[in-house]
């Protein structure tokens, strides 16, 4: 499975070329072959594998963002203890906690979609 953006781009370009060639075959009236069916199934499976990987990566990034927001909230709460504008820092901390919850929910949703796609690929 490609891991870099460059590798994923190359794979996408190769797949686009394959699809263009297959479209030309179909437009010319060429019949569907067993090999074409096998290729289509393989491509569908590969697409689901990429979706599973993408959802996992997205969930991981949301986890990272959640943790960053929680650290920022803690820093603002700590600052509020000795600051003249402590209430402002507490308000900011609460906004960071809201953002952390949003990222946690987004990560959960991506894991749900990852699991659904993994189930479909079996």
PDB file of N, CA and C in Angstrom:
ATOM      1  N   UNK A   1       0.862  -1.175   0.000  1.00  0.00           N
ATOM      2  CA  UNK A   1       0.000   0.000   0.000  1.00  0.00           C
ATOM      3  C   UNK A   1       0.903   1.232   0.000  1.00  0.00           C
ATOM      4  N   UNK A   2       0.656   2.173  -0.928  1.00  0.00           N
ATOM      5  CA  UNK A   2       1.483   3.385  -0.986  1.00  0.00           C
ATOM      6  C   UNK A   2       1.313   4.210   0.280  1.00  0.00           C
ATOM      7  N   UNK A   3       2.417   4.796   0.709  1.00  0.00           N
ATOM      8  CA  UNK A   3       2.357   5.545   1.961  1.00  0.00           C
ATOM      9  C   UNK A   3       2.619   7.033   1.788  1.00  0.00           C
ATOM     10  N   UNK A   4       3.297   7.418   0.727  1.00  0.00           N
ATOM     11  CA  UNK A   4       3.578   8.837   0.542  1.00  0.00           C
ATOM     12  C   UNK A   4       2.556   9.445  -0.419  1.00  0.00           C
ATOM     13  N   UNK A   5       2.357  10.752  -0.343  1.00  0.00           N
ATOM     14  CA  UNK A   5       1.451  11.396  -1.299  1.00  0.00           C
ATOM     15  C   UNK A   5       1.884  11.151  -2.745  1.00  0.00           C
ATOM     16  N   UNK A   6       3.190  11.151  -2.980  1.00  0.00           N
ATOM     17  CA  UNK A   6       3.688  10.904  -4.334  1.00  0.00           C
ATOM     18  C   UNK A   6       3.283   9.510  -4.809  1.00  0.00           C
ATOM     19  N   UNK A   7       3.481   8.508  -3.965  1.00  0.00           N
ATOM     20  CA  UNK A   7       3.119   7.133  -4.323  1.00  0.00           C
ATOM     21  C   UNK A   7       1.617   7.006  -4.575  1.00  0.00           C
ATOM     22  N   UNK A   8       0.816   7.642  -3.715  1.00  0.00           N
ATOM     23  CA  UNK A   8      -0.636   7.580  -3.916  1.00  0.00           C
ATOM     24  C   UNK A   8      -1.032   8.277  -5.212  1.00  0.00           C
ATOM     25  N   UNK A   9      -0.351   9.381  -5.521  1.00  0.00           N
ATOM     26  CA  UNK A   9      -0.628  10.078  -6.778  1.00  0.00           C
ATOM     27  C   UNK A   9      -0.283   9.229  -7.981  1.00  0.00           C
ATOM     28  N   UNK A  10       0.853   8.546  -7.924  1.00  0.00           N
ATOM     29  CA  UNK A  10       1.246   7.656  -9.023  1.00  0.00           C
ATOM     30  C   UNK A  10       0.232   6.534  -9.209  1.00  0.00           C
ATOM     31  N   UNK A  11      -0.212   5.941  -8.101  1.00  0.00           N
ATOM     32  CA  UNK A  11      -1.215   4.881  -8.171  1.00  0.00           C
ATOM     33  C   UNK A  11      -2.512   5.407  -8.779  1.00  0.00           C
ATOM     34  N   UNK A  12      -2.912   6.604  -8.384  1.00  0.00           N
ATOM     35  CA  UNK A  12      -4.135   7.191  -8.927  1.00  0.00           C
ATOM     36  C   UNK A  12      -3.989   7.460 -10.429  1.00  0.00           C
ATOM     37  N   UNK A  13      -2.825   7.943 -10.852  1.00  0.00           N
ATOM     38  CA  UNK A  13      -2.613   8.177 -12.287  1.00  0.00           C
ATOM     39  C   UNK A  13      -2.659   6.867 -13.076  1.00  0.00           C
ATOM     40  N   UNK A  14      -2.031   5.821 -12.533  1.00  0.00           N
ATOM     41  CA  UNK A  14      -2.055   4.523 -13.216  1.00  0.00           C
ATOM     42  C   UNK A  14      -3.490   4.007 -13.322  1.00  0.00           C
ATOM     43  N   UNK A  15      -4.262   4.154 -12.244  1.00  0.00           N
ATOM     44  CA  UNK A  15      -5.652   3.697 -12.250  1.00  0.00           C
ATOM     45  C   UNK A  15      -6.474   4.514 -13.241  1.00  0.00           C
ATOM     46  N   UNK A  16      -6.230   5.795 -13.330  1.00  0.00           N
ATOM     47  CA  UNK A  16      -6.955   6.634 -14.293  1.00  0.00           C
ATOM     48  C   UNK A  16      -6.648   6.188 -15.718  1.00  0.00           C
ATOM     49  N   UNK A  17      -5.389   5.858 -15.988  1.00  0.00           N
ATOM     50  CA  UNK A  17      -5.024   5.358 -17.323  1.00  0.00           C
ATOM     51  C   UNK A  17      -5.737   4.037 -17.624  1.00  0.00           C
ATOM     52  N   UNK A  18      -5.785   3.149 -16.624  1.00  0.00           N
ATOM     53  CA  UNK A  18      -6.494   1.871 -16.817  1.00  0.00           C
ATOM     54  C   UNK A  18      -7.967   2.097 -17.110  1.00  0.00           C
ATOM     55  N   UNK A  19      -8.583   3.009 -16.367  1.00  0.00           N
ATOM     56  CA  UNK A  19     -10.011   3.283 -16.580  1.00  0.00           C
ATOM     57  C   UNK A  19     -10.262   3.903 -17.956  1.00  0.00           C
ATOM     58  N   UNK A  20      -9.379   4.781 -18.375  1.00  0.00           N
ATOM     59  CA  UNK A  20      -9.529   5.382 -19.705  1.00  0.00           C
ATOM     60  C   UNK A  20      -9.420   4.313 -20.787  1.00  0.00           C
ATOM     61  N   UNK A  21      -8.472   3.403 -20.633  1.00  0.00           N
ATOM     62  CA  UNK A  21      -8.319   2.321 -21.613  1.00  0.00           C
ATOM     63  C   UNK A  21      -9.549   1.419 -21.608  1.00  0.00           C
ATOM     64  N   UNK A  22     -10.075   1.102 -20.429  1.00  0.00           N
ATOM     65  CA  UNK A  22     -11.259   0.238 -20.337  1.00  0.00           C
ATOM     66  C   UNK A  22     -12.481   0.932 -20.940  1.00  0.00           C
ATOM     67  N   UNK A  23     -12.604   2.236 -20.697  1.00  0.00           N
ATOM     68  CA  UNK A  23     -13.726   2.978 -21.289  1.00  0.00           C
ATOM     69  C   UNK A  23     -13.657   2.914 -22.815  1.00  0.00           C
ATOM     70  N   UNK A  24     -12.452   3.098 -23.364  1.00  0.00           N
ATOM     71  CA  UNK A  24     -12.276   3.034 -24.818  1.00  0.00           C
ATOM     72  C   UNK A  24     -12.661   1.650 -25.340  1.00  0.00           C
ATOM     73  N   UNK A  25     -12.286   0.599 -24.610  1.00  0.00           N
ATOM     74  CA  UNK A  25     -12.657  -0.759 -25.016  1.00  0.00           C
ATOM     75  C   UNK A  25     -14.177  -0.927 -25.035  1.00  0.00           C
ATOM     76  N   UNK A  26     -14.834  -0.459 -23.984  1.00  0.00           N
ATOM     77  CA  UNK A  26     -16.291  -0.597 -23.907  1.00  0.00           C
ATOM     78  C   UNK A  26     -16.988   0.225 -24.982  1.00  0.00           C
ATOM     79  N   UNK A  27     -16.481   1.444 -25.241  1.00  0.00           N
ATOM     80  CA  UNK A  27     -17.081   2.295 -26.258  1.00  0.00           C
ATOM     81  C   UNK A  27     -16.925   1.693 -27.645  1.00  0.00           C
ATOM     82  N   UNK A  28     -15.861   0.912 -27.843  1.00  0.00           N
ATOM     83  CA  UNK A  28     -15.652   0.288 -29.152  1.00  0.00           C
ATOM     84  C   UNK A  28     -16.450  -1.005 -29.306  1.00  0.00           C
ATOM     85  N   UNK A  29     -17.175  -1.396 -28.245  1.00  0.00           N
ATOM     86  CA  UNK A  29     -18.014  -2.583 -28.334  1.00  0.00           C
ATOM     87  C   UNK A  29     -17.322  -3.869 -27.918  1.00  0.00           C
ATOM     88  N   UNK A  30     -16.130  -3.776 -27.383  1.00  0.00           N
ATOM     89  CA  UNK A  30     -15.426  -4.974 -26.933  1.00  0.00           C
ATOM     90  C   UNK A  30     -16.207  -5.638 -25.808  1.00  0.00           C
ATOM     91  N   UNK A  31     -16.329  -6.963 -25.835  1.00  0.00           N
ATOM     92  CA  UNK A  31     -17.091  -7.642 -24.781  1.00  0.00           C
ATOM     93  C   UNK A  31     -16.310  -7.674 -23.460  1.00  0.00           C
ATOM     94  N   UNK A  32     -17.048  -7.881 -22.399  1.00  0.00           N
ATOM     95  CA  UNK A  32     -16.435  -8.010 -21.081  1.00  0.00           C
ATOM     96  C   UNK A  32     -15.812  -9.396 -20.978  1.00  0.00           C
ATOM     97  N   UNK A  33     -14.577  -9.437 -20.535  1.00  0.00           N
ATOM     98  CA  UNK A  33     -13.869 -10.716 -20.413  1.00  0.00           C
ATOM     99  C   UNK A  33     -13.774 -11.115 -18.942  1.00  0.00           C
ATOM    100  N   UNK A  34     -13.446 -12.380 -18.725  1.00  0.00           N
ATOM    101  CA  UNK A  34     -13.223 -12.846 -17.361  1.00  0.00           C
ATOM    102  C   UNK A  34     -12.085 -12.061 -16.700  1.00  0.00           C
ATOM    103  N   UNK A  35     -11.071 -11.750 -17.483  1.00  0.00           N
ATOM    104  CA  UNK A  35      -9.937 -10.985 -16.945  1.00  0.00           C
ATOM    105  C   UNK A  35     -10.392  -9.593 -16.509  1.00  0.00           C
ATOM    106  N   UNK A  36     -11.284  -8.985 -17.280  1.00  0.00           N
ATOM    107  CA  UNK A  36     -11.785  -7.653 -16.919  1.00  0.00           C
ATOM    108  C   UNK A  36     -12.594  -7.714 -15.627  1.00  0.00           C
ATOM    109  N   UNK A  37     -13.372  -8.773 -15.473  1.00  0.00           N
ATOM    110  CA  UNK A  37     -14.156  -8.939 -14.242  1.00  0.00           C
ATOM    111  C   UNK A  37     -13.215  -9.130 -13.048  1.00  0.00           C
ATOM    112  N   UNK A  38     -12.191  -9.953 -13.240  1.00  0.00           N
ATOM    113  CA  UNK A  38     -11.204 -10.168 -12.180  1.00  0.00           C
ATOM    114  C   UNK A  38     -10.508  -8.867 -11.816  1.00  0.00           C
ATOM    115  N   UNK A  39     -10.122  -8.101 -12.831  1.00  0.00           N
ATOM    116  CA  UNK A  39      -9.480  -6.802 -12.578  1.00  0.00           C
ATOM    117  C   UNK A  39     -10.415  -5.858 -11.827  1.00  0.00           C
ATOM    118  N   UNK A  40     -11.682  -5.834 -12.217  1.00  0.00           N
ATOM    119  CA  UNK A  40     -12.646  -4.948 -11.559  1.00  0.00           C
ATOM    120  C   UNK A  40     -12.812  -5.325 -10.091  1.00  0.00           C
ATOM    121  N   UNK A  41     -12.874  -6.607  -9.819  1.00  0.00           N
ATOM    122  CA  UNK A  41     -12.989  -7.051  -8.417  1.00  0.00           C
ATOM    123  C   UNK A  41     -11.743  -6.675  -7.621  1.00  0.00           C
ATOM    124  N   UNK A  42     -10.578  -6.847  -8.244  1.00  0.00           N
ATOM    125  CA  UNK A  42      -9.324  -6.504  -7.576  1.00  0.00           C
ATOM    126  C   UNK A  42      -9.284  -5.002  -7.278  1.00  0.00           C
ATOM    127  N   UNK A  43      -9.696  -4.211  -8.263  1.00  0.00           N
ATOM    128  CA  UNK A  43      -9.684  -2.757  -8.065  1.00  0.00           C
ATOM    129  C   UNK A  43     -10.669  -2.331  -6.967  1.00  0.00           C
ATOM    130  N   UNK A  44     -11.820  -2.976  -6.927  1.00  0.00           N
ATOM    131  CA  UNK A  44     -12.793  -2.652  -5.882  1.00  0.00           C
ATOM    132  C   UNK A  44     -12.225  -2.984  -4.504  1.00  0.00           C
ATOM    133  N   UNK A  45     -11.579  -4.133  -4.403  1.00  0.00           N
ATOM    134  CA  UNK A  45     -10.964  -4.526  -3.133  1.00  0.00           C
ATOM    135  C   UNK A  45      -9.855  -3.537  -2.749  1.00  0.00           C
ATOM    136  N   UNK A  46      -9.021  -3.151  -3.704  1.00  0.00           N
ATOM    137  CA  UNK A  46      -7.944  -2.187  -3.434  1.00  0.00           C
ATOM    138  C   UNK A  46      -8.510  -0.840  -2.998  1.00  0.00           C
ATOM    139  N   UNK A  47      -9.605  -0.427  -3.617  1.00  0.00           N
ATOM    140  CA  UNK A  47     -10.223   0.848  -3.243  1.00  0.00           C
ATOM    141  C   UNK A  47     -10.723   0.797  -1.801  1.00  0.00           C
ATOM    142  N   UNK A  48     -11.315  -0.319  -1.415  1.00  0.00           N
ATOM    143  CA  UNK A  48     -11.775  -0.445  -0.036  1.00  0.00           C
ATOM    144  C   UNK A  48     -10.600  -0.462   0.933  1.00  0.00           C
ATOM    145  N   UNK A  49      -9.507  -1.114   0.548  1.00  0.00           N
ATOM    146  CA  UNK A  49      -8.317  -1.106   1.404  1.00  0.00           C
ATOM    147  C   UNK A  49      -7.780   0.316   1.579  1.00  0.00           C
ATOM    148  N   UNK A  50      -7.797   1.090   0.494  1.00  0.00           N
ATOM    149  CA  UNK A  50      -7.345   2.485   0.597  1.00  0.00           C
ATOM    150  C   UNK A  50      -8.286   3.286   1.496  1.00  0.00           C
ATOM    151  N   UNK A  51      -9.576   3.013   1.394  1.00  0.00           N
ATOM    152  CA  UNK A  51     -10.548   3.715   2.241  1.00  0.00           C
ATOM    153  C   UNK A  51     -10.317   3.376   3.710  1.00  0.00           C
ATOM    154  N   UNK A  52     -10.069   2.102   3.999  1.00  0.00           N
ATOM    155  CA  UNK A  52      -9.799   1.689   5.372  1.00  0.00           C
ATOM    156  C   UNK A  52      -8.570   2.431   5.897  1.00  0.00           C
ATOM    157  N   UNK A  53      -7.522   2.460   5.097  1.00  0.00           N
ATOM    158  CA  UNK A  53      -6.290   3.140   5.495  1.00  0.00           C
ATOM    159  C   UNK A  53      -6.520   4.643   5.691  1.00  0.00           C
ATOM    160  N   UNK A  54      -7.268   5.256   4.801  1.00  0.00           N
ATOM    161  CA  UNK A  54      -7.539   6.697   4.888  1.00  0.00           C
ATOM    162  C   UNK A  54      -8.346   7.016   6.148  1.00  0.00           C
ATOM    163  N   UNK A  55      -9.347   6.197   6.447  1.00  0.00           N
ATOM    164  CA  UNK A  55     -10.141   6.441   7.655  1.00  0.00           C
ATOM    165  C   UNK A  55      -9.286   6.277   8.907  1.00  0.00           C
ATOM    166  N   UNK A  56      -8.398   5.282   8.913  1.00  0.00           N
ATOM    167  CA  UNK A  56      -7.525   5.097  10.076  1.00  0.00           C
ATOM    168  C   UNK A  56      -6.593   6.294  10.233  1.00  0.00           C
ATOM    169  N   UNK A  57      -6.012   6.748   9.124  1.00  0.00           N
ATOM    170  CA  UNK A  57      -5.118   7.906   9.181  1.00  0.00           C
ATOM    171  C   UNK A  57      -5.862   9.144   9.674  1.00  0.00           C
ATOM    172  N   UNK A  58      -7.064   9.325   9.185  1.00  0.00           N
ATOM    173  CA  UNK A  58      -7.852  10.480   9.610  1.00  0.00           C
ATOM    174  C   UNK A  58      -8.184  10.390  11.103  1.00  0.00           C
ATOM    175  N   UNK A  59      -8.567   9.204  11.559  1.00  0.00           N
ATOM    176  CA  UNK A  59      -8.859   9.019  12.981  1.00  0.00           C
ATOM    177  C   UNK A  59      -7.618   9.328  13.817  1.00  0.00           C
ATOM    178  N   UNK A  60      -6.460   8.870  13.363  1.00  0.00           N
ATOM    179  CA  UNK A  60      -5.214   9.142  14.083  1.00  0.00           C
ATOM    180  C   UNK A  60      -4.937  10.640  14.171  1.00  0.00           C
ATOM    181  N   UNK A  61      -5.147  11.367  13.065  1.00  0.00           N
ATOM    182  CA  UNK A  61      -4.905  12.816  13.085  1.00  0.00           C
ATOM    183  C   UNK A  61      -5.901  13.516  14.010  1.00  0.00           C
ATOM    184  N   UNK A  62      -7.152  13.047  14.033  1.00  0.00           N
ATOM    185  CA  UNK A  62      -8.138  13.632  14.956  1.00  0.00           C
ATOM    186  C   UNK A  62      -7.739  13.347  16.400  1.00  0.00           C
ATOM    187  N   UNK A  63      -7.184  12.151  16.655  1.00  0.00           N
ATOM    188  CA  UNK A  63      -6.685  11.852  18.004  1.00  0.00           C
ATOM    189  C   UNK A  63      -5.583  12.834  18.393  1.00  0.00           C
ATOM    190  N   UNK A  64      -4.672  13.084  17.452  1.00  0.00           N
ATOM    191  CA  UNK A  64      -3.590  14.047  17.706  1.00  0.00           C
ATOM    192  C   UNK A  64      -4.153  15.433  18.015  1.00  0.00           C
ATOM    193  N   UNK A  65      -5.134  15.857  17.238  1.00  0.00           N
ATOM    194  CA  UNK A  65      -5.734  17.182  17.440  1.00  0.00           C
ATOM    195  C   UNK A  65      -6.466  17.242  18.778  1.00  0.00           C
ATOM    196  N   UNK A  66      -7.162  16.166  19.123  1.00  0.00           N
ATOM    197  CA  UNK A  66      -7.839  16.139  20.422  1.00  0.00           C
ATOM    198  C   UNK A  66      -6.837  16.348  21.554  1.00  0.00           C
ATOM    199  N   UNK A  67      -5.736  15.620  21.492  1.00  0.00           N
ATOM    200  CA  UNK A  67      -4.722  15.738  22.541  1.00  0.00           C
ATOM    201  C   UNK A  67      -4.114  17.147  22.579  1.00  0.00           C
ATOM    202  N   UNK A  68      -3.885  17.728  21.430  1.00  0.00           N
ATOM    203  CA  UNK A  68      -3.334  19.090  21.378  1.00  0.00           C
ATOM    204  C   UNK A  68      -4.301  20.085  22.029  1.00  0.00           C
ATOM    205  N   UNK A  69      -5.588  19.940  21.749  1.00  0.00           N
ATOM    206  CA  UNK A  69      -6.576  20.840  22.350  1.00  0.00           C
ATOM    207  C   UNK A  69      -6.666  20.629  23.859  1.00  0.00           C
ATOM    208  N   UNK A  70      -6.564  19.395  24.293  1.00  0.00           N
ATOM    209  CA  UNK A  70      -6.602  19.138  25.731  1.00  0.00           C
ATOM    210  C   UNK A  70      -5.376  19.743  26.430  1.00  0.00           C
ATOM    211  N   UNK A  71      -4.214  19.647  25.786  1.00  0.00           N
ATOM    212  CA  UNK A  71      -3.014  20.271  26.356  1.00  0.00           C
ATOM    213  C   UNK A  71      -3.174  21.789  26.410  1.00  0.00           C
ATOM    214  N   UNK A  72      -3.731  22.366  25.352  1.00  0.00           N
ATOM    215  CA  UNK A  72      -3.940  23.816  25.326  1.00  0.00           C
ATOM    216  C   UNK A  72      -4.938  24.225  26.414  1.00  0.00           C
ATOM    217  N   UNK A  73      -6.001  23.449  26.582  1.00  0.00           N
ATOM    218  CA  UNK A  73      -6.979  23.760  27.636  1.00  0.00           C
ATOM    219  C   UNK A  73      -6.315  23.727  29.002  1.00  0.00           C
ATOM    220  N   UNK A  74      -5.496  22.714  29.232  1.00  0.00           N
ATOM    221  CA  UNK A  74      -4.806  22.611  30.526  1.00  0.00           C
ATOM    222  C   UNK A  74      -3.874  23.802  30.745  1.00  0.00           C
ATOM    223  N   UNK A  75      -3.196  24.224  29.694  1.00  0.00           N
ATOM    224  CA  UNK A  75      -2.292  25.374  29.814  1.00  0.00           C
ATOM    225  C   UNK A  75      -3.068  26.635  30.152  1.00  0.00           C
ATOM    226  N   UNK A  76      -4.201  26.827  29.519  1.00  0.00           N
ATOM    227  CA  UNK A  76      -5.013  28.015  29.816  1.00  0.00           C
ATOM    228  C   UNK A  76      -5.581  27.954  31.235  1.00  0.00           C
ATOM    229  N   UNK A  77      -5.972  26.762  31.672  1.00  0.00           N
ATOM    230  CA  UNK A  77      -6.470  26.640  33.042  1.00  0.00           C
ATOM    231  C   UNK A  77      -5.362  26.937  34.052  1.00  0.00           C
ATOM    232  N   UNK A  78      -4.174  26.474  33.756  1.00  0.00           N
ATOM    233  CA  UNK A  78      -3.034  26.739  34.635  1.00  0.00           C
ATOM    234  C   UNK A  78      -2.729  28.242  34.676  1.00  0.00           C
ATOM    235  N   UNK A  79      -2.765  28.846  33.508  1.00  0.00           N
ATOM    236  CA  UNK A  79      -2.506  30.288  33.426  1.00  0.00           C
ATOM    237  C   UNK A  79      -3.582  31.075  34.174  1.00  0.00           C
ATOM    238  N   UNK A  80      -4.810  30.602  34.128  1.00  0.00           N
ATOM    239  CA  UNK A  80      -5.919  31.300  34.777  1.00  0.00           C
ATOM    240  C   UNK A  80      -5.720  31.395  36.282  1.00  0.00           C
ATOM    241  N   UNK A  81      -4.995  30.457  36.863  1.00  0.00           N
ATOM    242  CA  UNK A  81      -4.794  30.455  38.313  1.00  0.00           C
ATOM    243  C   UNK A  81      -4.062  31.698  38.805  1.00  0.00           C
ATOM    244  N   UNK A  82      -3.138  32.198  37.998  1.00  0.00           N
ATOM    245  CA  UNK A  82      -2.363  33.343  38.458  1.00  0.00           C
ATOM    246  C   UNK A  82      -2.539  34.589  37.622  1.00  0.00           C
ATOM    247  N   UNK A  83      -3.543  34.611  36.788  1.00  0.00           N
ATOM    248  CA  UNK A  83      -3.701  35.746  35.877  1.00  0.00           C
ATOM    249  C   UNK A  83      -4.818  36.672  36.335  1.00  0.00           C
ATOM    250  N   UNK A  84      -4.629  37.955  36.025  1.00  0.00           N
ATOM    251  CA  UNK A  84      -5.680  38.931  36.314  1.00  0.00           C
ATOM    252  C   UNK A  84      -6.899  38.697  35.430  1.00  0.00           C
ATOM    253  N   UNK A  85      -6.643  38.178  34.224  1.00  0.00           N
ATOM    254  CA  UNK A  85      -7.742  37.900  33.285  1.00  0.00           C
ATOM    255  C   UNK A  85      -8.051  36.404  33.274  1.00  0.00           C
ATOM    256  N   UNK A  86      -8.088  35.803  34.456  1.00  0.00           N
ATOM    257  CA  UNK A  86      -8.286  34.364  34.587  1.00  0.00           C
ATOM    258  C   UNK A  86      -9.547  33.849  33.928  1.00  0.00           C
ATOM    259  N   UNK A  87     -10.637  34.629  34.013  1.00  0.00           N
ATOM    260  CA  UNK A  87     -11.891  34.176  33.395  1.00  0.00           C
ATOM    261  C   UNK A  87     -11.751  34.035  31.883  1.00  0.00           C
ATOM    262  N   UNK A  88     -10.989  34.932  31.272  1.00  0.00           N
ATOM    263  CA  UNK A  88     -10.761  34.831  29.824  1.00  0.00           C
ATOM    264  C   UNK A  88     -10.052  33.515  29.499  1.00  0.00           C
ATOM    265  N   UNK A  89      -9.060  33.189  30.312  1.00  0.00           N
ATOM    266  CA  UNK A  89      -8.329  31.940  30.067  1.00  0.00           C
ATOM    267  C   UNK A  89      -9.233  30.724  30.280  1.00  0.00           C
ATOM    268  N   UNK A  90     -10.105  30.790  31.243  1.00  0.00           N
ATOM    269  CA  UNK A  90     -11.029  29.675  31.457  1.00  0.00           C
ATOM    270  C   UNK A  90     -11.996  29.532  30.286  1.00  0.00           C
ATOM    271  N   UNK A  91     -12.431  30.660  29.727  1.00  0.00           N
ATOM    272  CA  UNK A  91     -13.299  30.609  28.544  1.00  0.00           C
ATOM    273  C   UNK A  91     -12.566  29.976  27.358  1.00  0.00           C
ATOM    274  N   UNK A  92     -11.319  30.366  27.195  1.00  0.00           N
ATOM    275  CA  UNK A  92     -10.520  29.806  26.097  1.00  0.00           C
ATOM    276  C   UNK A  92     -10.297  28.311  26.326  1.00  0.00           C
ATOM    277  N   UNK A  93     -10.043  27.940  27.573  1.00  0.00           N
ATOM    278  CA  UNK A  93      -9.858  26.522  27.892  1.00  0.00           C
ATOM    279  C   UNK A  93     -11.107  25.734  27.536  1.00  0.00           C
ATOM    280  N   UNK A  94     -12.265  26.291  27.837  1.00  0.00           N
ATOM    281  CA  UNK A  94     -13.513  25.587  27.517  1.00  0.00           C
ATOM    282  C   UNK A  94     -13.688  25.430  26.006  1.00  0.00           C
ATOM    283  N   UNK A  95     -13.292  26.452  25.245  1.00  0.00           N
ATOM    284  CA  UNK A  95     -13.372  26.322  23.776  1.00  0.00           C
ATOM    285  C   UNK A  95     -12.447  25.218  23.293  1.00  0.00           C
ATOM    286  N   UNK A  96     -11.254  25.136  23.885  1.00  0.00           N
ATOM    287  CA  UNK A  96     -10.342  24.047  23.508  1.00  0.00           C
ATOM    288  C   UNK A  96     -10.945  22.689  23.868  1.00  0.00           C
ATOM    289  N   UNK A  97     -11.594  22.598  24.998  1.00  0.00           N
ATOM    290  CA  UNK A  97     -12.228  21.324  25.383  1.00  0.00           C
ATOM    291  C   UNK A  97     -13.363  20.973  24.418  1.00  0.00           C
ATOM    292  N   UNK A  98     -14.112  21.978  23.968  1.00  0.00           N
ATOM    293  CA  UNK A  98     -15.158  21.734  22.963  1.00  0.00           C
ATOM    294  C   UNK A  98     -14.547  21.198  21.671  1.00  0.00           C
ATOM    295  N   UNK A  99     -13.443  21.821  21.258  1.00  0.00           N
ATOM    296  CA  UNK A  99     -12.766  21.358  20.037  1.00  0.00           C
ATOM    297  C   UNK A  99     -12.228  19.938  20.223  1.00  0.00           C
ATOM    298  N   UNK A 100     -11.707  19.645  21.394  1.00  0.00           N
ATOM    299  CA  UNK A 100     -11.205  18.293  21.681  1.00  0.00           C
ATOM    300  C   UNK A 100     -12.340  17.279  21.557  1.00  0.00           C
ATOM    301  N   UNK A 101     -13.511  17.618  22.092  1.00  0.00           N
ATOM    302  CA  UNK A 101     -14.665  16.709  21.981  1.00  0.00           C
ATOM    303  C   UNK A 101     -15.059  16.524  20.519  1.00  0.00           C
ATOM    304  N   UNK A 102     -15.026  17.602  19.752  1.00  0.00           N
ATOM    305  CA  UNK A 102     -15.373  17.490  18.326  1.00  0.00           C
ATOM    306  C   UNK A 102     -14.409  16.534  17.620  1.00  0.00           C
ATOM    307  N   UNK A 103     -13.116  16.680  17.898  1.00  0.00           N
ATOM    308  CA  UNK A 103     -12.124  15.797  17.270  1.00  0.00           C
ATOM    309  C   UNK A 103     -12.300  14.350  17.738  1.00  0.00           C
ATOM    310  N   UNK A 104     -12.628  14.156  19.003  1.00  0.00           N
ATOM    311  CA  UNK A 104     -12.859  12.791  19.508  1.00  0.00           C
ATOM    312  C   UNK A 104     -14.038  12.166  18.770  1.00  0.00           C
ATOM    313  N   UNK A 105     -15.112  12.926  18.594  1.00  0.00           N
ATOM    314  CA  UNK A 105     -16.277  12.411  17.870  1.00  0.00           C
ATOM    315  C   UNK A 105     -15.941  12.117  16.407  1.00  0.00           C
ATOM    316  N   UNK A 106     -15.152  12.997  15.793  1.00  0.00           N
ATOM    317  CA  UNK A 106     -14.754  12.779  14.397  1.00  0.00           C
ATOM    318  C   UNK A 106     -13.900  11.519  14.277  1.00  0.00           C
ATOM    319  N   UNK A 107     -12.993  11.305  15.222  1.00  0.00           N
ATOM    320  CA  UNK A 107     -12.158  10.097  15.200  1.00  0.00           C
ATOM    321  C   UNK A 107     -13.031   8.857  15.337  1.00  0.00           C
ATOM    322  N   UNK A 108     -14.008   8.922  16.217  1.00  0.00           N
ATOM    323  CA  UNK A 108     -14.927   7.791  16.400  1.00  0.00           C
ATOM    324  C   UNK A 108     -15.680   7.493  15.108  1.00  0.00           C
ATOM    325  N   UNK A 109     -16.134   8.533  14.432  1.00  0.00           N
ATOM    326  CA  UNK A 109     -16.859   8.356  13.168  1.00  0.00           C
ATOM    327  C   UNK A 109     -15.956   7.731  12.107  1.00  0.00           C
ATOM    328  N   UNK A 110     -14.714   8.185  12.014  1.00  0.00           N
ATOM    329  CA  UNK A 110     -13.796   7.603  11.033  1.00  0.00           C
ATOM    330  C   UNK A 110     -13.496   6.137  11.352  1.00  0.00           C
ATOM    331  N   UNK A 111     -13.396   5.802  12.617  1.00  0.00           N
ATOM    332  CA  UNK A 111     -13.169   4.391  12.971  1.00  0.00           C
ATOM    333  C   UNK A 111     -14.383   3.542  12.608  1.00  0.00           C
ATOM    334  N   UNK A 112     -15.568   4.099  12.780  1.00  0.00           N
ATOM    335  CA  UNK A 112     -16.791   3.389  12.397  1.00  0.00           C
ATOM    336  C   UNK A 112     -16.789   3.131  10.887  1.00  0.00           C
ATOM    337  N   UNK A 113     -16.463   4.156  10.117  1.00  0.00           N
ATOM    338  CA  UNK A 113     -16.414   4.000   8.660  1.00  0.00           C
ATOM    339  C   UNK A 113     -15.309   3.040   8.252  1.00  0.00           C
ATOM    340  N   UNK A 114     -14.153   3.106   8.946  1.00  0.00           N
ATOM    341  CA  UNK A 114     -13.051   2.169   8.678  1.00  0.00           C
ATOM    342  C   UNK A 114     -13.535   0.734   8.863  1.00  0.00           C
ATOM    343  N   UNK A 115     -14.221   0.489   9.971  1.00  0.00           N
ATOM    344  CA  UNK A 115     -14.697  -0.861  10.259  1.00  0.00           C
ATOM    345  C   UNK A 115     -15.740  -1.320   9.235  1.00  0.00           C
ATOM    346  N   UNK A 116     -16.619  -0.414   8.841  1.00  0.00           N
ATOM    347  CA  UNK A 116     -17.621  -0.753   7.816  1.00  0.00           C
ATOM    348  C   UNK A 116     -16.936  -1.121   6.498  1.00  0.00           C
ATOM    349  N   UNK A 117     -15.959  -0.326   6.100  1.00  0.00           N
ATOM    350  CA  UNK A 117     -15.252  -0.612   4.846  1.00  0.00           C
ATOM    351  C   UNK A 117     -14.447  -1.901   4.951  1.00  0.00           C
ATOM    352  N   UNK A 118     -13.849  -2.140   6.119  1.00  0.00           N
ATOM    353  CA  UNK A 118     -13.084  -3.388   6.299  1.00  0.00           C
ATOM    354  C   UNK A 118     -14.015  -4.581   6.178  1.00  0.00           C
ATOM    355  N   UNK A 119     -15.204  -4.465   6.733  1.00  0.00           N
ATOM    356  CA  UNK A 119     -16.194  -5.558   6.648  1.00  0.00           C
ATOM    357  C   UNK A 119     -16.600  -5.784   5.193  1.00  0.00           C
ATOM    358  N   UNK A 120     -16.803  -4.718   4.448  1.00  0.00           N
ATOM    359  CA  UNK A 120     -17.191  -4.844   3.033  1.00  0.00           C
ATOM    360  C   UNK A 120     -16.097  -5.471   2.183  1.00  0.00           C
ATOM    361  N   UNK A 121     -14.839  -5.284   2.592  1.00  0.00           N
ATOM    362  CA  UNK A 121     -13.733  -5.777   1.763  1.00  0.00           C
ATOM    363  C   UNK A 121     -13.470  -7.264   1.954  1.00  0.00           C
ATOM    364  N   UNK A 122     -14.126  -7.879   2.922  1.00  0.00           N
ATOM    365  CA  UNK A 122     -13.887  -9.310   3.169  1.00  0.00           C
ATOM    366  C   UNK A 122     -14.738 -10.179   2.291  1.00  0.00           C
TER     367      UNK A 122
END
